[in-house]
Amino acid sequence: MKLFDNSCFHPFVQLLILIALIVAGFCVSSFFMMLFGFLFLEGSDLNVIYSLTTDSPESVRLFLKWMQGFIQISMMLLPALIFVCFYGRKHFNILKIKSIKHFWSLLVSIALPFAVLPLVGLLSEWNNAIKFPDFLFAVEQYLRNMEDAAAEMTKLFLYAETGWGLLLNLFIIAVIPAIAEEFLFRGVIQNIFKRWFCNVHWAVIVTALIFSVVHGQFFGILPRFALGLMLGYLFVVIGSIWAPIIAHFVNNGAATIVAFLETKGFIETTAEEFGTVQNAEIWGFISAAATVVIFYFLWKKNQREEVC
């Protein structure tokens, strides 16, 4: 059900509406973050929010983790759901909340994040090896400093010493982002560009690029773009938003579990190293080829089912 008939709106107008909803969500989440900070944190704790380490007070780390989840709900999930109500499901079937039809679709959604890991690792190496011209050295240094800060923040969020801490991390880092980001990017934005370009491939590519850019890490843009392509095409070929949600959860959840096991001393591999292999170029191309073949057979199977 929609509030009124706006099916004549151009996709560009739809995109502007969505951006307005996201900005409103950002304002709301920022307000509540400051409010809850003053209510639940002491003055000394507020001061260390900007210089976080694993030695920071537990209250500060818990506060930021819950706020991270709240921000993703406010800026991604709620704008996506409000947009659907505003536009109407008939013309904008964001949700496609139909169950995954076949058990093999579920297995593919779980397996694909692991299948693309070598490719993601190779792209990460290539991305990190990018060198700017000498006259842009200051820009490169600034971007690398941002990358280092983001890596430290990621380590902080992944840090957990207890089973309950691991469960909290899985909820904040895997469950909420998987649902919120997939509803927004694949459910809404990809559909907007599909109607705009009248081409599903361009819709997937542009959405994956936006998905990568908005994370704000230049030296991670290529691997995240590849993940965005995988999630976008998974939505297309399986036809259920739950497919990319499951794949996104598996991707984030695996890193979270690896970080926990490394913290406990059970393994030596860090979350950043997870998926990296020797002979990265060979395995990266094998990974890319395998992923393309999987999607080809998914697409052909989908076509056969539509004919039947």
C-alpha atoms as a PDB file:
ATOM      1  CA  MET A   1       0.000   0.000   0.000  1.00  0.00           C
ATOM      2  CA  LYS A   2       1.283   3.489  -0.843  1.00  0.00           C
ATOM      3  CA  LEU A   3       0.417   6.929   0.447  1.00  0.00           C
ATOM      4  CA  PHE A   4      -0.484   8.377  -2.962  1.00  0.00           C
ATOM      5  CA  ASP A   5       0.077   7.721  -6.660  1.00  0.00           C
ATOM      6  CA  ASN A   6       3.535   8.910  -7.626  1.00  0.00           C
ATOM      7  CA  SER A   7       4.354   6.264 -10.218  1.00  0.00           C
ATOM      8  CA  CYS A   8       5.112   9.011 -12.730  1.00  0.00           C
ATOM      9  CA  PHE A   9       8.106  10.197 -10.703  1.00  0.00           C
ATOM     10  CA  HIS A  10      11.367   9.993 -12.642  1.00  0.00           C
ATOM     11  CA  PRO A  11      13.996   7.719 -11.031  1.00  0.00           C
ATOM     12  CA  PHE A  12      16.169  10.797 -10.429  1.00  0.00           C
ATOM     13  CA  VAL A  13      13.386  12.298  -8.319  1.00  0.00           C
ATOM     14  CA  GLN A  14      13.049   8.993  -6.485  1.00  0.00           C
ATOM     15  CA  LEU A  15      16.784   9.110  -5.780  1.00  0.00           C
ATOM     16  CA  LEU A  16      16.474  12.636  -4.386  1.00  0.00           C
ATOM     17  CA  ILE A  17      13.619  11.502  -2.134  1.00  0.00           C
ATOM     18  CA  LEU A  18      15.727   8.623  -0.880  1.00  0.00           C
ATOM     19  CA  ILE A  19      18.723  10.908  -0.215  1.00  0.00           C
ATOM     20  CA  ALA A  20      16.458  13.259   1.751  1.00  0.00           C
ATOM     21  CA  LEU A  21      15.279  10.331   3.884  1.00  0.00           C
ATOM     22  CA  ILE A  22      18.880   9.231   4.493  1.00  0.00           C
ATOM     23  CA  VAL A  23      19.908  12.763   5.516  1.00  0.00           C
ATOM     24  CA  ALA A  24      16.926  12.913   7.871  1.00  0.00           C
ATOM     25  CA  GLY A  25      17.993   9.562   9.331  1.00  0.00           C
ATOM     26  CA  PHE A  26      21.513  10.899   9.815  1.00  0.00           C
ATOM     27  CA  CYS A  27      20.208  13.947  11.679  1.00  0.00           C
ATOM     28  CA  VAL A  28      18.008  11.819  13.925  1.00  0.00           C
ATOM     29  CA  SER A  29      20.766   9.312  14.693  1.00  0.00           C
ATOM     30  CA  SER A  30      23.305  12.096  15.384  1.00  0.00           C
ATOM     31  CA  PHE A  31      20.911  13.775  17.804  1.00  0.00           C
ATOM     32  CA  PHE A  32      20.217  10.579  19.725  1.00  0.00           C
ATOM     33  CA  MET A  33      23.889   9.624  19.733  1.00  0.00           C
ATOM     34  CA  MET A  34      24.753  12.905  21.467  1.00  0.00           C
ATOM     35  CA  LEU A  35      21.764  12.610  23.798  1.00  0.00           C
ATOM     36  CA  PHE A  36      22.529   9.028  24.842  1.00  0.00           C
ATOM     37  CA  GLY A  37      26.211   9.904  25.179  1.00  0.00           C
ATOM     38  CA  PHE A  38      25.462  12.614  27.725  1.00  0.00           C
ATOM     39  CA  LEU A  39      22.909  10.427  29.534  1.00  0.00           C
ATOM     40  CA  PHE A  40      24.847   7.175  29.790  1.00  0.00           C
ATOM     41  CA  LEU A  41      28.522   8.134  29.633  1.00  0.00           C
ATOM     42  CA  GLU A  42      30.530  10.054  32.168  1.00  0.00           C
ATOM     43  CA  GLY A  43      32.426  13.126  31.112  1.00  0.00           C
ATOM     44  CA  SER A  44      35.761  11.329  31.118  1.00  0.00           C
ATOM     45  CA  ASP A  45      34.342   8.595  28.902  1.00  0.00           C
ATOM     46  CA  LEU A  46      33.049  11.152  26.418  1.00  0.00           C
ATOM     47  CA  ASN A  47      36.567  12.508  26.043  1.00  0.00           C
ATOM     48  CA  VAL A  48      38.074   9.153  25.041  1.00  0.00           C
ATOM     49  CA  ILE A  49      35.524   8.435  22.305  1.00  0.00           C
ATOM     50  CA  TYR A  50      37.833  10.204  19.874  1.00  0.00           C
ATOM     51  CA  SER A  51      40.954   8.267  20.947  1.00  0.00           C
ATOM     52  CA  LEU A  52      39.658   4.723  21.158  1.00  0.00           C
ATOM     53  CA  THR A  53      41.758   1.627  21.795  1.00  0.00           C
ATOM     54  CA  THR A  54      40.998  -1.845  23.098  1.00  0.00           C
ATOM     55  CA  ASP A  55      41.985  -0.446  26.517  1.00  0.00           C
ATOM     56  CA  SER A  56      39.180   2.127  26.370  1.00  0.00           C
ATOM     57  CA  PRO A  57      36.423   1.716  28.984  1.00  0.00           C
ATOM     58  CA  GLU A  58      33.989  -1.089  28.235  1.00  0.00           C
ATOM     59  CA  SER A  59      31.098   1.371  28.528  1.00  0.00           C
ATOM     60  CA  VAL A  60      32.509   3.471  25.689  1.00  0.00           C
ATOM     61  CA  ARG A  61      33.063   0.496  23.396  1.00  0.00           C
ATOM     62  CA  LEU A  62      29.580  -0.884  24.076  1.00  0.00           C
ATOM     63  CA  PHE A  63      28.048   2.545  23.546  1.00  0.00           C
ATOM     64  CA  LEU A  64      29.719   2.955  20.158  1.00  0.00           C
ATOM     65  CA  LYS A  65      28.760  -0.544  19.040  1.00  0.00           C
ATOM     66  CA  TRP A  66      25.078   0.018  19.868  1.00  0.00           C
ATOM     67  CA  MET A  67      25.198   3.457  18.273  1.00  0.00           C
ATOM     68  CA  GLN A  68      26.704   1.926  15.136  1.00  0.00           C
ATOM     69  CA  GLY A  69      23.720  -0.393  14.893  1.00  0.00           C
ATOM     70  CA  PHE A  70      21.295   2.442  15.604  1.00  0.00           C
ATOM     71  CA  ILE A  71      22.896   4.609  12.899  1.00  0.00           C
ATOM     72  CA  GLN A  72      22.620   1.847  10.291  1.00  0.00           C
ATOM     73  CA  ILE A  73      18.955   1.326  11.131  1.00  0.00           C
ATOM     74  CA  SER A  74      18.249   5.082  11.042  1.00  0.00           C
ATOM     75  CA  MET A  75      20.222   5.872   7.886  1.00  0.00           C
ATOM     76  CA  MET A  76      19.640   2.716   5.846  1.00  0.00           C
ATOM     77  CA  LEU A  77      16.870   0.399   6.967  1.00  0.00           C
ATOM     78  CA  LEU A  78      14.220   2.955   7.931  1.00  0.00           C
ATOM     79  CA  PRO A  79      14.755   5.182   4.836  1.00  0.00           C
ATOM     80  CA  ALA A  80      14.427   2.083   2.638  1.00  0.00           C
ATOM     81  CA  LEU A  81      11.199   0.966   4.319  1.00  0.00           C
ATOM     82  CA  ILE A  82       9.718   4.474   4.347  1.00  0.00           C
ATOM     83  CA  PHE A  83      10.589   4.852   0.673  1.00  0.00           C
ATOM     84  CA  VAL A  84       8.740   1.636  -0.170  1.00  0.00           C
ATOM     85  CA  CYS A  85       5.654   2.820   1.700  1.00  0.00           C
ATOM     86  CA  PHE A  86       5.923   6.166  -0.091  1.00  0.00           C
ATOM     87  CA  TYR A  87       6.361   4.728  -3.555  1.00  0.00           C
ATOM     88  CA  GLY A  88       4.271   1.576  -3.383  1.00  0.00           C
ATOM     89  CA  ARG A  89       5.122  -2.072  -3.838  1.00  0.00           C
ATOM     90  CA  LYS A  90       3.389  -2.427  -7.187  1.00  0.00           C
ATOM     91  CA  HIS A  91       5.926  -0.276  -9.017  1.00  0.00           C
ATOM     92  CA  PHE A  92       8.803  -0.721  -6.620  1.00  0.00           C
ATOM     93  CA  ASN A  93       9.070  -4.239  -5.311  1.00  0.00           C
ATOM     94  CA  ILE A  94      12.024  -3.464  -3.047  1.00  0.00           C
ATOM     95  CA  LEU A  95      11.430  -6.272  -0.662  1.00  0.00           C
ATOM     96  CA  LYS A  96      10.696  -9.322  -2.752  1.00  0.00           C
ATOM     97  CA  ILE A  97      10.344 -10.882   0.670  1.00  0.00           C
ATOM     98  CA  LYS A  98       9.520 -14.235  -0.741  1.00  0.00           C
ATOM     99  CA  SER A  99      11.273 -17.231   0.636  1.00  0.00           C
ATOM    100  CA  ILE A 100      14.272 -18.660  -1.149  1.00  0.00           C
ATOM    101  CA  LYS A 101      12.653 -21.331  -3.314  1.00  0.00           C
ATOM    102  CA  HIS A 102      15.293 -24.009  -3.315  1.00  0.00           C
ATOM    103  CA  PHE A 103      17.782 -25.405  -0.826  1.00  0.00           C
ATOM    104  CA  TRP A 104      20.543 -24.974  -3.423  1.00  0.00           C
ATOM    105  CA  SER A 105      19.804 -21.221  -3.481  1.00  0.00           C
ATOM    106  CA  LEU A 106      20.456 -21.094   0.251  1.00  0.00           C
ATOM    107  CA  LEU A 107      23.689 -23.056  -0.182  1.00  0.00           C
ATOM    108  CA  VAL A 108      24.836 -20.723  -2.961  1.00  0.00           C
ATOM    109  CA  SER A 109      24.098 -17.666  -0.797  1.00  0.00           C
ATOM    110  CA  ILE A 110      26.249 -19.149   1.959  1.00  0.00           C
ATOM    111  CA  ALA A 111      29.051 -20.422  -0.288  1.00  0.00           C
ATOM    112  CA  LEU A 112      29.538 -17.449  -2.642  1.00  0.00           C
ATOM    113  CA  PRO A 113      31.154 -15.141  -0.037  1.00  0.00           C
ATOM    114  CA  PHE A 114      33.851 -17.782   0.450  1.00  0.00           C
ATOM    115  CA  ALA A 115      34.170 -18.421  -3.283  1.00  0.00           C
ATOM    116  CA  VAL A 116      34.997 -14.755  -3.970  1.00  0.00           C
ATOM    117  CA  LEU A 117      37.471 -14.432  -1.075  1.00  0.00           C
ATOM    118  CA  PRO A 118      40.611 -15.068  -3.171  1.00  0.00           C
ATOM    119  CA  LEU A 119      39.418 -12.514  -5.745  1.00  0.00           C
ATOM    120  CA  VAL A 120      38.663 -10.005  -2.989  1.00  0.00           C
ATOM    121  CA  GLY A 121      42.125 -10.587  -1.522  1.00  0.00           C
ATOM    122  CA  LEU A 122      43.784 -10.050  -4.896  1.00  0.00           C
ATOM    123  CA  LEU A 123      41.817  -6.862  -5.547  1.00  0.00           C
ATOM    124  CA  SER A 124      42.737  -5.649  -2.075  1.00  0.00           C
ATOM    125  CA  GLU A 125      46.425  -6.111  -2.887  1.00  0.00           C
ATOM    126  CA  TRP A 126      46.048  -4.263  -6.181  1.00  0.00           C
ATOM    127  CA  ASN A 127      44.051  -1.483  -4.542  1.00  0.00           C
ATOM    128  CA  ASN A 128      46.580  -1.035  -1.745  1.00  0.00           C
ATOM    129  CA  ALA A 129      49.439  -0.897  -4.271  1.00  0.00           C
ATOM    130  CA  ILE A 130      47.988   2.144  -6.077  1.00  0.00           C
ATOM    131  CA  LYS A 131      50.445   5.030  -6.077  1.00  0.00           C
ATOM    132  CA  PHE A 132      49.435   8.633  -6.689  1.00  0.00           C
ATOM    133  CA  PRO A 133      51.556  11.060  -8.747  1.00  0.00           C
ATOM    134  CA  ASP A 134      54.092  13.060  -6.752  1.00  0.00           C
ATOM    135  CA  PHE A 135      52.006  16.236  -6.872  1.00  0.00           C
ATOM    136  CA  LEU A 136      49.157  14.307  -5.186  1.00  0.00           C
ATOM    137  CA  PHE A 137      51.344  12.863  -2.420  1.00  0.00           C
ATOM    138  CA  ALA A 138      49.480  14.827   0.273  1.00  0.00           C
ATOM    139  CA  VAL A 139      46.159  13.454  -0.976  1.00  0.00           C
ATOM    140  CA  GLU A 140      47.487   9.892  -0.958  1.00  0.00           C
ATOM    141  CA  GLN A 141      48.874  10.308   2.550  1.00  0.00           C
ATOM    142  CA  TYR A 142      45.550  11.691   3.765  1.00  0.00           C
ATOM    143  CA  LEU A 143      43.648   8.757   2.253  1.00  0.00           C
ATOM    144  CA  ARG A 144      46.082   6.238   3.742  1.00  0.00           C
ATOM    145  CA  ASN A 145      45.745   7.870   7.161  1.00  0.00           C
ATOM    146  CA  MET A 146      41.969   7.544   6.821  1.00  0.00           C
ATOM    147  CA  GLU A 147      42.444   3.901   5.867  1.00  0.00           C
ATOM    148  CA  ASP A 148      44.607   3.270   8.948  1.00  0.00           C
ATOM    149  CA  ALA A 149      42.059   4.985  11.193  1.00  0.00           C
ATOM    150  CA  ALA A 150      39.235   2.909   9.696  1.00  0.00           C
ATOM    151  CA  ALA A 151      41.275  -0.276  10.204  1.00  0.00           C
ATOM    152  CA  GLU A 152      41.854   0.592  13.859  1.00  0.00           C
ATOM    153  CA  MET A 153      38.164   1.322  14.349  1.00  0.00           C
ATOM    154  CA  THR A 154      37.290  -2.005  12.717  1.00  0.00           C
ATOM    155  CA  LYS A 155      39.647  -3.826  15.089  1.00  0.00           C
ATOM    156  CA  LEU A 156      37.980  -2.084  18.008  1.00  0.00           C
ATOM    157  CA  PHE A 157      34.509  -3.112  16.879  1.00  0.00           C
ATOM    158  CA  LEU A 158      35.614  -6.706  16.230  1.00  0.00           C
ATOM    159  CA  TYR A 159      37.340  -7.017  19.593  1.00  0.00           C
ATOM    160  CA  ALA A 160      35.615  -9.435  21.951  1.00  0.00           C
ATOM    161  CA  GLU A 161      36.887 -11.678  24.726  1.00  0.00           C
ATOM    162  CA  THR A 162      33.723 -13.546  25.751  1.00  0.00           C
ATOM    163  CA  GLY A 163      31.015 -15.545  24.036  1.00  0.00           C
ATOM    164  CA  TRP A 164      28.485 -12.828  24.825  1.00  0.00           C
ATOM    165  CA  GLY A 165      30.818 -10.270  23.276  1.00  0.00           C
ATOM    166  CA  LEU A 166      31.018 -12.398  20.142  1.00  0.00           C
ATOM    167  CA  LEU A 167      27.222 -12.653  19.947  1.00  0.00           C
ATOM    168  CA  LEU A 168      26.902  -8.884  20.339  1.00  0.00           C
ATOM    169  CA  ASN A 169      29.470  -8.344  17.591  1.00  0.00           C
ATOM    170  CA  LEU A 170      27.649 -10.752  15.283  1.00  0.00           C
ATOM    171  CA  PHE A 171      24.414  -8.829  15.856  1.00  0.00           C
ATOM    172  CA  ILE A 172      25.934  -5.355  15.404  1.00  0.00           C
ATOM    173  CA  ILE A 173      28.477  -6.160  12.682  1.00  0.00           C
ATOM    174  CA  ALA A 174      26.762  -8.944  10.739  1.00  0.00           C
ATOM    175  CA  VAL A 175      22.985  -9.068  11.307  1.00  0.00           C
ATOM    176  CA  ILE A 176      22.093  -5.357  11.273  1.00  0.00           C
ATOM    177  CA  PRO A 177      24.378  -4.328   8.359  1.00  0.00           C
ATOM    178  CA  ALA A 178      23.279  -7.330   6.289  1.00  0.00           C
ATOM    179  CA  ILE A 179      19.609  -6.402   6.593  1.00  0.00           C
ATOM    180  CA  ALA A 180      19.950  -2.602   6.547  1.00  0.00           C
ATOM    181  CA  GLU A 181      22.490  -2.320   3.718  1.00  0.00           C
ATOM    182  CA  GLU A 182      20.827  -4.894   1.489  1.00  0.00           C
ATOM    183  CA  PHE A 183      17.384  -3.346   1.862  1.00  0.00           C
ATOM    184  CA  LEU A 184      18.840   0.056   0.965  1.00  0.00           C
ATOM    185  CA  PHE A 185      21.371  -0.783  -1.754  1.00  0.00           C
ATOM    186  CA  ARG A 186      19.972  -3.871  -3.445  1.00  0.00           C
ATOM    187  CA  GLY A 187      16.324  -3.390  -2.489  1.00  0.00           C
ATOM    188  CA  VAL A 188      15.928   0.320  -3.258  1.00  0.00           C
ATOM    189  CA  ILE A 189      18.927   1.860  -5.015  1.00  0.00           C
ATOM    190  CA  GLN A 190      19.472  -1.010  -7.441  1.00  0.00           C
ATOM    191  CA  ASN A 191      15.788  -0.934  -8.347  1.00  0.00           C
ATOM    192  CA  ILE A 192      15.917   2.829  -8.922  1.00  0.00           C
ATOM    193  CA  PHE A 193      18.810   2.459 -11.365  1.00  0.00           C
ATOM    194  CA  LYS A 194      17.147  -0.523 -13.013  1.00  0.00           C
ATOM    195  CA  ARG A 195      14.136   1.639 -13.863  1.00  0.00           C
ATOM    196  CA  TRP A 196      16.394   4.577 -14.787  1.00  0.00           C
ATOM    197  CA  PHE A 197      18.746   2.697 -17.145  1.00  0.00           C
ATOM    198  CA  CYS A 198      16.272  -0.019 -18.180  1.00  0.00           C
ATOM    199  CA  ASN A 199      19.253  -2.342 -17.854  1.00  0.00           C
ATOM    200  CA  VAL A 200      19.791  -4.647 -14.898  1.00  0.00           C
ATOM    201  CA  HIS A 201      23.555  -4.926 -15.460  1.00  0.00           C
ATOM    202  CA  TRP A 202      24.159  -1.185 -15.288  1.00  0.00           C
ATOM    203  CA  ALA A 203      21.923  -1.066 -12.232  1.00  0.00           C
ATOM    204  CA  VAL A 204      24.026  -3.701 -10.463  1.00  0.00           C
ATOM    205  CA  ILE A 205      27.328  -2.050 -11.467  1.00  0.00           C
ATOM    206  CA  VAL A 206      26.383   1.498 -10.445  1.00  0.00           C
ATOM    207  CA  THR A 207      24.846   0.302  -7.177  1.00  0.00           C
ATOM    208  CA  ALA A 208      27.957  -1.737  -6.365  1.00  0.00           C
ATOM    209  CA  LEU A 209      30.126   1.314  -7.045  1.00  0.00           C
ATOM    210  CA  ILE A 210      28.008   3.508  -4.752  1.00  0.00           C
ATOM    211  CA  PHE A 211      28.026   0.741  -2.126  1.00  0.00           C
ATOM    212  CA  SER A 212      31.824   0.727  -2.235  1.00  0.00           C
ATOM    213  CA  VAL A 213      32.334   4.499  -2.300  1.00  0.00           C
ATOM    214  CA  VAL A 214      30.025   5.324   0.614  1.00  0.00           C
ATOM    215  CA  HIS A 215      32.132   3.189   2.949  1.00  0.00           C
ATOM    216  CA  GLY A 216      34.730   5.935   2.641  1.00  0.00           C
ATOM    217  CA  GLN A 217      37.845   3.810   2.130  1.00  0.00           C
ATOM    218  CA  PHE A 218      39.656   4.522  -1.161  1.00  0.00           C
ATOM    219  CA  PHE A 219      42.142   1.688  -0.653  1.00  0.00           C
ATOM    220  CA  GLY A 220      39.302  -0.758  -0.181  1.00  0.00           C
ATOM    221  CA  ILE A 221      37.134   0.391  -3.057  1.00  0.00           C
ATOM    222  CA  LEU A 222      37.984  -2.451  -5.475  1.00  0.00           C
ATOM    223  CA  PRO A 223      37.351  -5.436  -3.167  1.00  0.00           C
ATOM    224  CA  ARG A 224      34.169  -3.864  -1.826  1.00  0.00           C
ATOM    225  CA  PHE A 225      33.032  -3.159  -5.388  1.00  0.00           C
ATOM    226  CA  ALA A 226      33.498  -6.858  -6.189  1.00  0.00           C
ATOM    227  CA  LEU A 227      31.441  -7.805  -3.139  1.00  0.00           C
ATOM    228  CA  GLY A 228      28.760  -5.351  -4.244  1.00  0.00           C
ATOM    229  CA  LEU A 229      28.618  -6.969  -7.690  1.00  0.00           C
ATOM    230  CA  MET A 230      28.281 -10.400  -6.108  1.00  0.00           C
ATOM    231  CA  LEU A 231      25.447  -9.251  -3.839  1.00  0.00           C
ATOM    232  CA  GLY A 232      23.674  -7.379  -6.632  1.00  0.00           C
ATOM    233  CA  TYR A 233      23.686 -10.284  -9.063  1.00  0.00           C
ATOM    234  CA  LEU A 234      22.697 -12.680  -6.299  1.00  0.00           C
ATOM    235  CA  PHE A 235      19.560 -10.566  -5.790  1.00  0.00           C
ATOM    236  CA  VAL A 236      18.871 -10.618  -9.529  1.00  0.00           C
ATOM    237  CA  VAL A 237      19.309 -14.326 -10.227  1.00  0.00           C
ATOM    238  CA  ILE A 238      17.669 -15.721  -7.079  1.00  0.00           C
ATOM    239  CA  GLY A 239      14.929 -13.102  -6.879  1.00  0.00           C
ATOM    240  CA  SER A 240      14.777 -12.802  -3.101  1.00  0.00           C
ATOM    241  CA  ILE A 241      16.301 -10.059  -0.972  1.00  0.00           C
ATOM    242  CA  TRP A 242      17.122 -12.771   1.564  1.00  0.00           C
ATOM    243  CA  ALA A 243      19.819 -14.165  -0.741  1.00  0.00           C
ATOM    244  CA  PRO A 244      22.138 -11.113  -0.564  1.00  0.00           C
ATOM    245  CA  ILE A 245      21.212 -10.635   3.102  1.00  0.00           C
ATOM    246  CA  ILE A 246      22.424 -14.160   3.893  1.00  0.00           C
ATOM    247  CA  ALA A 247      25.595 -13.699   1.810  1.00  0.00           C
ATOM    248  CA  HIS A 248      26.301 -10.331   3.450  1.00  0.00           C
ATOM    249  CA  PHE A 249      25.789 -11.858   6.892  1.00  0.00           C
ATOM    250  CA  VAL A 250      28.140 -14.738   6.093  1.00  0.00           C
ATOM    251  CA  ASN A 251      30.819 -12.336   4.831  1.00  0.00           C
ATOM    252  CA  ASN A 252      30.696 -10.088   7.911  1.00  0.00           C
ATOM    253  CA  GLY A 253      30.050 -12.933  10.324  1.00  0.00           C
ATOM    254  CA  ALA A 254      33.056 -14.932   9.132  1.00  0.00           C
ATOM    255  CA  ALA A 255      35.371 -11.947   9.724  1.00  0.00           C
ATOM    256  CA  THR A 256      33.827 -11.434  13.167  1.00  0.00           C
ATOM    257  CA  ILE A 257      34.376 -15.062  14.176  1.00  0.00           C
ATOM    258  CA  VAL A 258      37.945 -15.071  12.812  1.00  0.00           C
ATOM    259  CA  ALA A 259      38.726 -11.922  14.823  1.00  0.00           C
ATOM    260  CA  PHE A 260      37.328 -13.555  17.973  1.00  0.00           C
ATOM    261  CA  LEU A 261      39.348 -16.746  17.464  1.00  0.00           C
ATOM    262  CA  GLU A 262      42.485 -14.683  16.851  1.00  0.00           C
ATOM    263  CA  THR A 263      41.860 -12.649  20.012  1.00  0.00           C
ATOM    264  CA  LYS A 264      41.481 -15.851  22.039  1.00  0.00           C
ATOM    265  CA  GLY A 265      44.717 -17.219  20.573  1.00  0.00           C
ATOM    266  CA  PHE A 266      43.114 -20.169  18.782  1.00  0.00           C
ATOM    267  CA  ILE A 267      44.382 -19.045  15.372  1.00  0.00           C
ATOM    268  CA  GLU A 268      47.029 -16.618  14.137  1.00  0.00           C
ATOM    269  CA  THR A 269      45.101 -15.330  11.121  1.00  0.00           C
ATOM    270  CA  THR A 270      43.615 -11.872  11.584  1.00  0.00           C
ATOM    271  CA  ALA A 271      40.317 -10.719  10.102  1.00  0.00           C
ATOM    272  CA  GLU A 272      42.258  -8.625   7.560  1.00  0.00           C
ATOM    273  CA  GLU A 273      44.296 -11.651   6.469  1.00  0.00           C
ATOM    274  CA  PHE A 274      41.286 -13.969   6.228  1.00  0.00           C
ATOM    275  CA  GLY A 275      40.994 -15.257   2.676  1.00  0.00           C
ATOM    276  CA  THR A 276      44.478 -14.230   1.561  1.00  0.00           C
ATOM    277  CA  VAL A 277      46.424 -17.041  -0.104  1.00  0.00           C
ATOM    278  CA  GLN A 278      49.782 -17.645  -1.728  1.00  0.00           C
ATOM    279  CA  ASN A 279      49.845 -17.267  -5.522  1.00  0.00           C
ATOM    280  CA  ALA A 280      47.133 -14.639  -5.118  1.00  0.00           C
ATOM    281  CA  GLU A 281      46.928 -13.898  -8.850  1.00  0.00           C
ATOM    282  CA  ILE A 282      46.252 -17.512  -9.809  1.00  0.00           C
ATOM    283  CA  TRP A 283      43.685 -18.120  -7.078  1.00  0.00           C
ATOM    284  CA  GLY A 284      42.123 -14.722  -7.664  1.00  0.00           C
ATOM    285  CA  PHE A 285      41.446 -15.497 -11.332  1.00  0.00           C
ATOM    286  CA  ILE A 286      40.201 -18.989 -10.446  1.00  0.00           C
ATOM    287  CA  SER A 287      37.865 -17.384  -7.909  1.00  0.00           C
ATOM    288  CA  ALA A 288      36.586 -14.887 -10.508  1.00  0.00           C
ATOM    289  CA  ALA A 289      36.035 -17.622 -13.097  1.00  0.00           C
ATOM    290  CA  ALA A 290      34.245 -19.884 -10.612  1.00  0.00           C
ATOM    291  CA  THR A 291      31.980 -17.032  -9.526  1.00  0.00           C
ATOM    292  CA  VAL A 292      31.065 -16.178 -13.127  1.00  0.00           C
ATOM    293  CA  VAL A 293      30.288 -19.837 -13.857  1.00  0.00           C
ATOM    294  CA  ILE A 294      28.088 -20.100 -10.741  1.00  0.00           C
ATOM    295  CA  PHE A 295      26.117 -17.028 -11.750  1.00  0.00           C
ATOM    296  CA  TYR A 296      25.787 -18.256 -15.321  1.00  0.00           C
ATOM    297  CA  PHE A 297      24.189 -21.514 -14.196  1.00  0.00           C
ATOM    298  CA  LEU A 298      21.978 -19.653 -11.717  1.00  0.00           C
ATOM    299  CA  TRP A 299      20.818 -17.365 -14.517  1.00  0.00           C
ATOM    300  CA  LYS A 300      20.134 -20.276 -16.893  1.00  0.00           C
ATOM    301  CA  LYS A 301      18.249 -22.167 -14.203  1.00  0.00           C
ATOM    302  CA  ASN A 302      16.193 -19.053 -13.452  1.00  0.00           C
ATOM    303  CA  GLN A 303      15.323 -18.723 -17.142  1.00  0.00           C
ATOM    304  CA  ARG A 304      14.187 -22.362 -17.345  1.00  0.00           C
ATOM    305  CA  GLU A 305      11.953 -21.944 -14.291  1.00  0.00           C
ATOM    306  CA  GLU A 306      10.369 -18.793 -15.755  1.00  0.00           C
ATOM    307  CA  VAL A 307       9.564 -20.684 -18.986  1.00  0.00           C
ATOM    308  CA  CYS A 308       8.031 -23.559 -17.047  1.00  0.00           C
END
